Amino acid sequence: MFRGIKLDNYIELYEKWEEYLSENLEFPLETKVVESERGKIRDGAKIKLLELEDYDDMYGIFGIGKYERGAVTFPICNLEAIDKKSRNYALLRDYAIWFANR
């Protein structure tokens, strides 16, 4: 997946992760927040992830989803699939581990 990309080229790495996850995650995806540093959304909150949006250096890849009755953009490194037996769980976890150790 990352063959030929230099490990310090974060722009290409984020682009590859976003492409890979967009192709392999099954949307909509029921998630819960496992770490929150942003506003009113707290740990344990449920977000229905609908698609991936963009990325930045500080928070990584963002997902667009539904939270309570509104739309939200949230960093996917802080989300976990509720169904721990699903492929979505493993994909989000792999990304979160990479993001934490980049």
PDB file of N, CA and C in Angstrom:
ATOM      1  N   MET A   1       0.811  -1.193   0.000  1.00  0.00           N
ATOM      2  CA  MET A   1       0.000   0.000   0.000  1.00  0.00           C
ATOM      3  C   MET A   1       0.859   1.263   0.000  1.00  0.00           C
ATOM      4  N   PHE A   2       1.925   1.256   0.787  1.00  0.00           N
ATOM      5  CA  PHE A   2       2.773   2.451   0.897  1.00  0.00           C
ATOM      6  C   PHE A   2       4.100   2.294   0.159  1.00  0.00           C
ATOM      7  N   ARG A   3       4.207   1.307  -0.654  1.00  0.00           N
ATOM      8  CA  ARG A   3       5.438   1.042  -1.383  1.00  0.00           C
ATOM      9  C   ARG A   3       5.838   2.268  -2.207  1.00  0.00           C
ATOM     10  N   GLY A   4       7.092   2.682  -2.074  1.00  0.00           N
ATOM     11  CA  GLY A   4       7.604   3.790  -2.858  1.00  0.00           C
ATOM     12  C   GLY A   4       7.407   5.157  -2.224  1.00  0.00           C
ATOM     13  N   ILE A   5       6.725   5.230  -1.070  1.00  0.00           N
ATOM     14  CA  ILE A   5       6.507   6.515  -0.396  1.00  0.00           C
ATOM     15  C   ILE A   5       7.524   6.651   0.732  1.00  0.00           C
ATOM     16  N   LYS A   6       8.202   7.779   0.783  1.00  0.00           N
ATOM     17  CA  LYS A   6       9.152   8.023   1.860  1.00  0.00           C
ATOM     18  C   LYS A   6       8.392   8.213   3.169  1.00  0.00           C
ATOM     19  N   LEU A   7       8.919   7.653   4.256  1.00  0.00           N
ATOM     20  CA  LEU A   7       8.235   7.684   5.539  1.00  0.00           C
ATOM     21  C   LEU A   7       8.061   9.085   6.110  1.00  0.00           C
ATOM     22  N   ASP A   8       8.833  10.041   5.643  1.00  0.00           N
ATOM     23  CA  ASP A   8       8.685  11.411   6.143  1.00  0.00           C
ATOM     24  C   ASP A   8       7.819  12.275   5.220  1.00  0.00           C
ATOM     25  N   ASN A   9       7.231  11.678   4.190  1.00  0.00           N
ATOM     26  CA  ASN A   9       6.368  12.403   3.278  1.00  0.00           C
ATOM     27  C   ASN A   9       4.910  12.230   3.727  1.00  0.00           C
ATOM     28  N   TYR A  10       4.526  13.017   4.744  1.00  0.00           N
ATOM     29  CA  TYR A  10       3.207  12.856   5.349  1.00  0.00           C
ATOM     30  C   TYR A  10       2.062  13.189   4.405  1.00  0.00           C
ATOM     31  N   ILE A  11       2.263  14.099   3.487  1.00  0.00           N
ATOM     32  CA  ILE A  11       1.194  14.432   2.545  1.00  0.00           C
ATOM     33  C   ILE A  11       0.832  13.199   1.722  1.00  0.00           C
ATOM     34  N   GLU A  12       1.832  12.534   1.163  1.00  0.00           N
ATOM     35  CA  GLU A  12       1.559  11.323   0.377  1.00  0.00           C
ATOM     36  C   GLU A  12       0.993  10.201   1.242  1.00  0.00           C
ATOM     37  N   LEU A  13       1.503  10.083   2.462  1.00  0.00           N
ATOM     38  CA  LEU A  13       0.997   9.040   3.360  1.00  0.00           C
ATOM     39  C   LEU A  13      -0.472   9.267   3.700  1.00  0.00           C
ATOM     40  N   TYR A  14      -0.838  10.509   4.039  1.00  0.00           N
ATOM     41  CA  TYR A  14      -2.245  10.816   4.322  1.00  0.00           C
ATOM     42  C   TYR A  14      -3.116  10.546   3.100  1.00  0.00           C
ATOM     43  N   GLU A  15      -2.633  10.951   1.927  1.00  0.00           N
ATOM     44  CA  GLU A  15      -3.406  10.717   0.710  1.00  0.00           C
ATOM     45  C   GLU A  15      -3.626   9.233   0.474  1.00  0.00           C
ATOM     46  N   LYS A  16      -2.597   8.419   0.699  1.00  0.00           N
ATOM     47  CA  LYS A  16      -2.707   6.971   0.521  1.00  0.00           C
ATOM     48  C   LYS A  16      -3.669   6.365   1.535  1.00  0.00           C
ATOM     49  N   TRP A  17      -3.558   6.797   2.807  1.00  0.00           N
ATOM     50  CA  TRP A  17      -4.473   6.301   3.834  1.00  0.00           C
ATOM     51  C   TRP A  17      -5.910   6.663   3.490  1.00  0.00           C
ATOM     52  N   GLU A  18      -6.123   7.928   3.081  1.00  0.00           N
ATOM     53  CA  GLU A  18      -7.478   8.370   2.754  1.00  0.00           C
ATOM     54  C   GLU A  18      -8.051   7.551   1.593  1.00  0.00           C
ATOM     55  N   GLU A  19      -7.253   7.327   0.580  1.00  0.00           N
ATOM     56  CA  GLU A  19      -7.682   6.530  -0.573  1.00  0.00           C
ATOM     57  C   GLU A  19      -8.009   5.093  -0.143  1.00  0.00           C
ATOM     58  N   TYR A  20      -7.106   4.495   0.612  1.00  0.00           N
ATOM     59  CA  TYR A  20      -7.270   3.113   1.058  1.00  0.00           C
ATOM     60  C   TYR A  20      -8.515   2.952   1.934  1.00  0.00           C
ATOM     61  N   LEU A  21      -8.677   3.850   2.907  1.00  0.00           N
ATOM     62  CA  LEU A  21      -9.827   3.752   3.800  1.00  0.00           C
ATOM     63  C   LEU A  21     -11.136   4.042   3.069  1.00  0.00           C
ATOM     64  N   SER A  22     -11.138   5.000   2.158  1.00  0.00           N
ATOM     65  CA  SER A  22     -12.345   5.313   1.386  1.00  0.00           C
ATOM     66  C   SER A  22     -12.799   4.106   0.570  1.00  0.00           C
ATOM     67  N   GLU A  23     -11.844   3.350   0.059  1.00  0.00           N
ATOM     68  CA  GLU A  23     -12.157   2.177  -0.754  1.00  0.00           C
ATOM     69  C   GLU A  23     -12.547   0.966   0.080  1.00  0.00           C
ATOM     70  N   ASN A  24     -12.084   0.891   1.333  1.00  0.00           N
ATOM     71  CA  ASN A  24     -12.251  -0.329   2.109  1.00  0.00           C
ATOM     72  C   ASN A  24     -13.216  -0.243   3.290  1.00  0.00           C
ATOM     73  N   LEU A  25     -13.455   0.942   3.826  1.00  0.00           N
ATOM     74  CA  LEU A  25     -14.447   1.068   4.894  1.00  0.00           C
ATOM     75  C   LEU A  25     -15.843   0.927   4.299  1.00  0.00           C
ATOM     76  N   GLU A  26     -16.765   0.359   5.058  1.00  0.00           N
ATOM     77  CA  GLU A  26     -18.152   0.223   4.620  1.00  0.00           C
ATOM     78  C   GLU A  26     -18.974   1.296   5.316  1.00  0.00           C
ATOM     79  N   PHE A  27     -19.452   2.260   4.525  1.00  0.00           N
ATOM     80  CA  PHE A  27     -20.249   3.369   5.049  1.00  0.00           C
ATOM     81  C   PHE A  27     -21.728   3.093   4.831  1.00  0.00           C
ATOM     82  N   PRO A  28     -22.625   3.587   5.689  1.00  0.00           N
ATOM     83  CA  PRO A  28     -22.343   4.327   6.916  1.00  0.00           C
ATOM     84  C   PRO A  28     -21.771   3.392   7.971  1.00  0.00           C
ATOM     85  N   LEU A  29     -21.042   3.984   8.887  1.00  0.00           N
ATOM     86  CA  LEU A  29     -20.283   3.230   9.878  1.00  0.00           C
ATOM     87  C   LEU A  29     -20.585   3.770  11.261  1.00  0.00           C
ATOM     88  N   GLU A  30     -21.092   2.907  12.127  1.00  0.00           N
ATOM     89  CA  GLU A  30     -21.390   3.310  13.508  1.00  0.00           C
ATOM     90  C   GLU A  30     -20.090   3.317  14.311  1.00  0.00           C
ATOM     91  N   THR A  31     -19.763   4.477  14.869  1.00  0.00           N
ATOM     92  CA  THR A  31     -18.525   4.618  15.637  1.00  0.00           C
ATOM     93  C   THR A  31     -18.809   5.248  16.991  1.00  0.00           C
ATOM     94  N   LYS A  32     -17.811   5.167  17.844  1.00  0.00           N
ATOM     95  CA  LYS A  32     -17.867   5.904  19.100  1.00  0.00           C
ATOM     96  C   LYS A  32     -16.546   6.646  19.271  1.00  0.00           C
ATOM     97  N   VAL A  33     -16.612   7.737  19.983  1.00  0.00           N
ATOM     98  CA  VAL A  33     -15.436   8.567  20.235  1.00  0.00           C
ATOM     99  C   VAL A  33     -14.628   7.917  21.354  1.00  0.00           C
ATOM    100  N   VAL A  34     -13.337   7.685  21.104  1.00  0.00           N
ATOM    101  CA  VAL A  34     -12.473   7.091  22.123  1.00  0.00           C
ATOM    102  C   VAL A  34     -11.523   8.121  22.730  1.00  0.00           C
ATOM    103  N   GLU A  35     -11.430   9.277  22.091  1.00  0.00           N
ATOM    104  CA  GLU A  35     -10.622  10.369  22.631  1.00  0.00           C
ATOM    105  C   GLU A  35     -11.144  11.662  22.024  1.00  0.00           C
ATOM    106  N   SER A  36     -11.447  12.623  22.891  1.00  0.00           N
ATOM    107  CA  SER A  36     -12.007  13.871  22.391  1.00  0.00           C
ATOM    108  C   SER A  36     -11.291  15.068  22.980  1.00  0.00           C
ATOM    109  N   GLU A  37     -10.877  15.950  22.100  1.00  0.00           N
ATOM    110  CA  GLU A  37     -10.265  17.207  22.509  1.00  0.00           C
ATOM    111  C   GLU A  37     -11.056  18.368  21.927  1.00  0.00           C
ATOM    112  N   ARG A  38     -12.188  18.067  21.333  1.00  0.00           N
ATOM    113  CA  ARG A  38     -12.927  19.063  20.557  1.00  0.00           C
ATOM    114  C   ARG A  38     -14.309  19.315  21.138  1.00  0.00           C
ATOM    115  N   GLY A  39     -14.543  20.508  21.624  1.00  0.00           N
ATOM    116  CA  GLY A  39     -15.858  21.013  21.969  1.00  0.00           C
ATOM    117  C   GLY A  39     -16.780  20.098  22.735  1.00  0.00           C
ATOM    118  N   LYS A  40     -18.031  20.032  22.269  1.00  0.00           N
ATOM    119  CA  LYS A  40     -19.093  19.348  23.011  1.00  0.00           C
ATOM    120  C   LYS A  40     -19.092  17.836  22.862  1.00  0.00           C
ATOM    121  N   ILE A  41     -18.380  17.304  21.919  1.00  0.00           N
ATOM    122  CA  ILE A  41     -18.384  15.857  21.694  1.00  0.00           C
ATOM    123  C   ILE A  41     -17.390  15.202  22.651  1.00  0.00           C
ATOM    124  N   ARG A  42     -17.882  14.349  23.499  1.00  0.00           N
ATOM    125  CA  ARG A  42     -17.076  13.726  24.558  1.00  0.00           C
ATOM    126  C   ARG A  42     -16.814  12.247  24.276  1.00  0.00           C
ATOM    127  N   ASP A  43     -15.873  11.679  25.030  1.00  0.00           N
ATOM    128  CA  ASP A  43     -15.574  10.253  24.924  1.00  0.00           C
ATOM    129  C   ASP A  43     -16.860   9.445  25.091  1.00  0.00           C
ATOM    130  N   GLY A  44     -17.016   8.428  24.261  1.00  0.00           N
ATOM    131  CA  GLY A  44     -18.182   7.563  24.318  1.00  0.00           C
ATOM    132  C   GLY A  44     -19.331   8.013  23.436  1.00  0.00           C
ATOM    133  N   ALA A  45     -19.280   9.240  22.918  1.00  0.00           N
ATOM    134  CA  ALA A  45     -20.342   9.734  22.033  1.00  0.00           C
ATOM    135  C   ALA A  45     -20.381   8.900  20.764  1.00  0.00           C
ATOM    136  N   LYS A  46     -21.572   8.684  20.236  1.00  0.00           N
ATOM    137  CA  LYS A  46     -21.727   7.894  19.013  1.00  0.00           C
ATOM    138  C   LYS A  46     -21.850   8.815  17.808  1.00  0.00           C
ATOM    139  N   ILE A  47     -21.071   8.496  16.778  1.00  0.00           N
ATOM    140  CA  ILE A  47     -21.093   9.239  15.519  1.00  0.00           C
ATOM    141  C   ILE A  47     -21.305   8.230  14.393  1.00  0.00           C
ATOM    142  N   LYS A  48     -22.274   8.500  13.526  1.00  0.00           N
ATOM    143  CA  LYS A  48     -22.471   7.662  12.337  1.00  0.00           C
ATOM    144  C   LYS A  48     -21.614   8.271  11.236  1.00  0.00           C
ATOM    145  N   LEU A  49     -20.514   7.614  10.930  1.00  0.00           N
ATOM    146  CA  LEU A  49     -19.563   8.097   9.927  1.00  0.00           C
ATOM    147  C   LEU A  49     -20.112   7.822   8.534  1.00  0.00           C
ATOM    148  N   LEU A  50     -20.194   8.876   7.708  1.00  0.00           N
ATOM    149  CA  LEU A  50     -20.785   8.761   6.377  1.00  0.00           C
ATOM    150  C   LEU A  50     -19.762   8.744   5.254  1.00  0.00           C
ATOM    151  N   GLU A  51     -18.657   9.455   5.443  1.00  0.00           N
ATOM    152  CA  GLU A  51     -17.598   9.479   4.436  1.00  0.00           C
ATOM    153  C   GLU A  51     -16.371  10.162   5.012  1.00  0.00           C
ATOM    154  N   LEU A  52     -15.261  10.057   4.290  1.00  0.00           N
ATOM    155  CA  LEU A  52     -14.038  10.744   4.685  1.00  0.00           C
ATOM    156  C   LEU A  52     -13.969  12.056   3.938  1.00  0.00           C
ATOM    157  N   GLU A  53     -13.358  13.048   4.576  1.00  0.00           N
ATOM    158  CA  GLU A  53     -13.331  14.353   3.944  1.00  0.00           C
ATOM    159  C   GLU A  53     -11.924  14.757   3.540  1.00  0.00           C
ATOM    160  N   ASP A  54     -11.147  15.246   4.446  1.00  0.00           N
ATOM    161  CA  ASP A  54      -9.828  15.794   4.141  1.00  0.00           C
ATOM    162  C   ASP A  54      -8.906  15.452   5.299  1.00  0.00           C
ATOM    163  N   TYR A  55      -7.748  16.061   5.342  1.00  0.00           N
ATOM    164  CA  TYR A  55      -6.808  15.807   6.434  1.00  0.00           C
ATOM    165  C   TYR A  55      -6.018  17.072   6.709  1.00  0.00           C
ATOM    166  N   ASP A  56      -5.415  17.104   7.896  1.00  0.00           N
ATOM    167  CA  ASP A  56      -4.441  18.149   8.205  1.00  0.00           C
ATOM    168  C   ASP A  56      -3.342  17.527   9.060  1.00  0.00           C
ATOM    169  N   ASP A  57      -2.269  18.262   9.251  1.00  0.00           N
ATOM    170  CA  ASP A  57      -1.110  17.722   9.969  1.00  0.00           C
ATOM    171  C   ASP A  57      -1.398  17.415  11.430  1.00  0.00           C
ATOM    172  N   MET A  58      -2.249  18.201  12.051  1.00  0.00           N
ATOM    173  CA  MET A  58      -2.472  18.053  13.484  1.00  0.00           C
ATOM    174  C   MET A  58      -3.431  16.915  13.836  1.00  0.00           C
ATOM    175  N   TYR A  59      -4.532  16.783  13.097  1.00  0.00           N
ATOM    176  CA  TYR A  59      -5.561  15.803  13.444  1.00  0.00           C
ATOM    177  C   TYR A  59      -5.671  14.641  12.472  1.00  0.00           C
ATOM    178  N   GLY A  60      -4.960  14.668  11.373  1.00  0.00           N
ATOM    179  CA  GLY A  60      -5.031  13.585  10.409  1.00  0.00           C
ATOM    180  C   GLY A  60      -6.275  13.656   9.545  1.00  0.00           C
ATOM    181  N   ILE A  61      -6.798  12.495   9.198  1.00  0.00           N
ATOM    182  CA  ILE A  61      -7.955  12.401   8.306  1.00  0.00           C
ATOM    183  C   ILE A  61      -9.240  12.685   9.084  1.00  0.00           C
ATOM    184  N   PHE A  62     -10.115  13.477   8.466  1.00  0.00           N
ATOM    185  CA  PHE A  62     -11.412  13.795   9.058  1.00  0.00           C
ATOM    186  C   PHE A  62     -12.510  13.002   8.373  1.00  0.00           C
ATOM    187  N   GLY A  63     -13.518  12.643   9.155  1.00  0.00           N
ATOM    188  CA  GLY A  63     -14.711  12.021   8.617  1.00  0.00           C
ATOM    189  C   GLY A  63     -15.895  12.941   8.810  1.00  0.00           C
ATOM    190  N   ILE A  64     -16.864  12.817   7.928  1.00  0.00           N
ATOM    191  CA  ILE A  64     -18.118  13.554   8.055  1.00  0.00           C
ATOM    192  C   ILE A  64     -19.154  12.559   8.554  1.00  0.00           C
ATOM    193  N   GLY A  65     -19.920  12.975   9.553  1.00  0.00           N
ATOM    194  CA  GLY A  65     -20.905  12.068  10.096  1.00  0.00           C
ATOM    195  C   GLY A  65     -22.060  12.777  10.747  1.00  0.00           C
ATOM    196  N   LYS A  66     -22.927  11.969  11.362  1.00  0.00           N
ATOM    197  CA  LYS A  66     -24.080  12.491  12.082  1.00  0.00           C
ATOM    198  C   LYS A  66     -23.835  12.282  13.571  1.00  0.00           C
ATOM    199  N   TYR A  67     -24.049  13.355  14.313  1.00  0.00           N
ATOM    200  CA  TYR A  67     -23.947  13.298  15.767  1.00  0.00           C
ATOM    201  C   TYR A  67     -25.197  13.934  16.328  1.00  0.00           C
ATOM    202  N   GLU A  68     -25.920  13.174  17.140  1.00  0.00           N
ATOM    203  CA  GLU A  68     -27.220  13.612  17.640  1.00  0.00           C
ATOM    204  C   GLU A  68     -28.070  14.023  16.451  1.00  0.00           C
ATOM    205  N   ARG A  69     -28.425  15.288  16.318  1.00  0.00           N
ATOM    206  CA  ARG A  69     -29.308  15.678  15.211  1.00  0.00           C
ATOM    207  C   ARG A  69     -28.604  16.512  14.158  1.00  0.00           C
ATOM    208  N   GLY A  70     -27.301  16.598  14.209  1.00  0.00           N
ATOM    209  CA  GLY A  70     -26.603  17.450  13.256  1.00  0.00           C
ATOM    210  C   GLY A  70     -25.422  16.762  12.606  1.00  0.00           C
ATOM    211  N   ALA A  71     -24.838  17.479  11.667  1.00  0.00           N
ATOM    212  CA  ALA A  71     -23.649  16.986  10.969  1.00  0.00           C
ATOM    213  C   ALA A  71     -22.412  17.393  11.756  1.00  0.00           C
ATOM    214  N   VAL A  72     -21.364  16.583  11.650  1.00  0.00           N
ATOM    215  CA  VAL A  72     -20.125  16.852  12.360  1.00  0.00           C
ATOM    216  C   VAL A  72     -18.948  16.401  11.506  1.00  0.00           C
ATOM    217  N   THR A  73     -17.843  17.110  11.639  1.00  0.00           N
ATOM    218  CA  THR A  73     -16.575  16.691  11.048  1.00  0.00           C
ATOM    219  C   THR A  73     -15.667  16.353  12.219  1.00  0.00           C
ATOM    220  N   PHE A  74     -15.067  15.156  12.191  1.00  0.00           N
ATOM    221  CA  PHE A  74     -14.316  14.682  13.356  1.00  0.00           C
ATOM    222  C   PHE A  74     -13.106  13.867  12.891  1.00  0.00           C
ATOM    223  N   PRO A  75     -11.963  13.987  13.590  1.00  0.00           N
ATOM    224  CA  PRO A  75     -10.783  13.196  13.206  1.00  0.00           C
ATOM    225  C   PRO A  75     -11.007  11.707  13.461  1.00  0.00           C
ATOM    226  N   ILE A  76     -10.792  10.898  12.439  1.00  0.00           N
ATOM    227  CA  ILE A  76     -11.093   9.471  12.564  1.00  0.00           C
ATOM    228  C   ILE A  76     -10.094   8.734  13.452  1.00  0.00           C
ATOM    229  N   CYS A  77      -8.940   9.345  13.735  1.00  0.00           N
ATOM    230  CA  CYS A  77      -7.985   8.689  14.640  1.00  0.00           C
ATOM    231  C   CYS A  77      -8.564   8.592  16.052  1.00  0.00           C
ATOM    232  N   ASN A  78      -9.617   9.353  16.340  1.00  0.00           N
ATOM    233  CA  ASN A  78     -10.258   9.346  17.656  1.00  0.00           C
ATOM    234  C   ASN A  78     -11.580   8.588  17.664  1.00  0.00           C
ATOM    235  N   LEU A  79     -11.823   7.819  16.595  1.00  0.00           N
ATOM    236  CA  LEU A  79     -13.050   7.031  16.486  1.00  0.00           C
ATOM    237  C   LEU A  79     -12.729   5.543  16.470  1.00  0.00           C
ATOM    238  N   GLU A  80     -13.695   4.765  16.940  1.00  0.00           N
ATOM    239  CA  GLU A  80     -13.577   3.311  16.931  1.00  0.00           C
ATOM    240  C   GLU A  80     -14.909   2.755  16.453  1.00  0.00           C
ATOM    241  N   ALA A  81     -14.860   1.778  15.560  1.00  0.00           N
ATOM    242  CA  ALA A  81     -16.090   1.127  15.111  1.00  0.00           C
ATOM    243  C   ALA A  81     -16.735   0.410  16.292  1.00  0.00           C
ATOM    244  N   ILE A  82     -18.033   0.512  16.412  1.00  0.00           N
ATOM    245  CA  ILE A  82     -18.741  -0.112  17.537  1.00  0.00           C
ATOM    246  C   ILE A  82     -18.692  -1.633  17.428  1.00  0.00           C
ATOM    247  N   ASP A  83     -18.822  -2.170  16.207  1.00  0.00           N
ATOM    248  CA  ASP A  83     -18.757  -3.619  15.992  1.00  0.00           C
ATOM    249  C   ASP A  83     -17.295  -4.053  15.947  1.00  0.00           C
ATOM    250  N   LYS A  84     -16.811  -4.573  17.067  1.00  0.00           N
ATOM    251  CA  LYS A  84     -15.388  -4.927  17.179  1.00  0.00           C
ATOM    252  C   LYS A  84     -14.995  -6.131  16.325  1.00  0.00           C
ATOM    253  N   LYS A  85     -15.972  -6.853  15.800  1.00  0.00           N
ATOM    254  CA  LYS A  85     -15.672  -8.002  14.948  1.00  0.00           C
ATOM    255  C   LYS A  85     -15.646  -7.634  13.464  1.00  0.00           C
ATOM    256  N   SER A  86     -15.961  -6.395  13.159  1.00  0.00           N
ATOM    257  CA  SER A  86     -16.048  -5.977  11.758  1.00  0.00           C
ATOM    258  C   SER A  86     -14.683  -5.600  11.186  1.00  0.00           C
ATOM    259  N   ARG A  87     -14.614  -5.621   9.880  1.00  0.00           N
ATOM    260  CA  ARG A  87     -13.402  -5.176   9.187  1.00  0.00           C
ATOM    261  C   ARG A  87     -13.188  -3.679   9.423  1.00  0.00           C
ATOM    262  N   ASN A  88     -14.278  -2.924   9.546  1.00  0.00           N
ATOM    263  CA  ASN A  88     -14.183  -1.492   9.812  1.00  0.00           C
ATOM    264  C   ASN A  88     -13.411  -1.217  11.105  1.00  0.00           C
ATOM    265  N   TYR A  89     -13.647  -2.050  12.111  1.00  0.00           N
ATOM    266  CA  TYR A  89     -12.949  -1.876  13.386  1.00  0.00           C
ATOM    267  C   TYR A  89     -11.439  -1.997  13.185  1.00  0.00           C
ATOM    268  N   ALA A  90     -11.028  -3.037  12.487  1.00  0.00           N
ATOM    269  CA  ALA A  90      -9.597  -3.273  12.252  1.00  0.00           C
ATOM    270  C   ALA A  90      -8.979  -2.144  11.417  1.00  0.00           C
ATOM    271  N   LEU A  91      -9.689  -1.689  10.391  1.00  0.00           N
ATOM    272  CA  LEU A  91      -9.156  -0.622   9.533  1.00  0.00           C
ATOM    273  C   LEU A  91      -8.967   0.681  10.307  1.00  0.00           C
ATOM    274  N   LEU A  92      -9.975   1.074  11.083  1.00  0.00           N
ATOM    275  CA  LEU A  92      -9.845   2.307  11.869  1.00  0.00           C
ATOM    276  C   LEU A  92      -8.749   2.175  12.920  1.00  0.00           C
ATOM    277  N   ARG A  93      -8.661   1.006  13.530  1.00  0.00           N
ATOM    278  CA  ARG A  93      -7.616   0.777  14.549  1.00  0.00           C
ATOM    279  C   ARG A  93      -6.227   0.833  13.927  1.00  0.00           C
ATOM    280  N   ASP A  94      -6.044   0.216  12.771  1.00  0.00           N
ATOM    281  CA  ASP A  94      -4.747   0.265  12.086  1.00  0.00           C
ATOM    282  C   ASP A  94      -4.349   1.706  11.788  1.00  0.00           C
ATOM    283  N   TYR A  95      -5.307   2.490  11.300  1.00  0.00           N
ATOM    284  CA  TYR A  95      -5.013   3.898  11.011  1.00  0.00           C
ATOM    285  C   TYR A  95      -4.667   4.657  12.292  1.00  0.00           C
ATOM    286  N   ALA A  96      -5.440   4.450  13.357  1.00  0.00           N
ATOM    287  CA  ALA A  96      -5.205   5.162  14.623  1.00  0.00           C
ATOM    288  C   ALA A  96      -3.820   4.827  15.189  1.00  0.00           C
ATOM    289  N   ILE A  97      -3.416   3.579  15.076  1.00  0.00           N
ATOM    290  CA  ILE A  97      -2.089   3.167  15.582  1.00  0.00           C
ATOM    291  C   ILE A  97      -1.008   3.837  14.732  1.00  0.00           C
ATOM    292  N   TRP A  98      -1.169   3.828  13.407  1.00  0.00           N
ATOM    293  CA  TRP A  98      -0.194   4.506  12.547  1.00  0.00           C
ATOM    294  C   TRP A  98      -0.132   5.988  12.897  1.00  0.00           C
ATOM    295  N   PHE A  99      -1.292   6.630  13.030  1.00  0.00           N
ATOM    296  CA  PHE A  99      -1.338   8.075  13.297  1.00  0.00           C
ATOM    297  C   PHE A  99      -0.638   8.407  14.620  1.00  0.00           C
ATOM    298  N   ALA A 100      -0.860   7.604  15.637  1.00  0.00           N
ATOM    299  CA  ALA A 100      -0.263   7.849  16.950  1.00  0.00           C
ATOM    300  C   ALA A 100       1.259   7.692  16.927  1.00  0.00           C
ATOM    301  N   ASN A 101       1.749   6.874  16.012  1.00  0.00           N
ATOM    302  CA  ASN A 101       3.187   6.572  15.977  1.00  0.00           C
ATOM    303  C   ASN A 101       3.921   7.242  14.809  1.00  0.00           C
ATOM    304  N   ARG A 102       3.254   8.099  14.071  1.00  0.00           N
ATOM    305  CA  ARG A 102       3.882   8.707  12.885  1.00  0.00           C
ATOM    306  C   ARG A 102       5.032   9.605  13.255  1.00  0.00           C
TER     307      ARG A 102
END
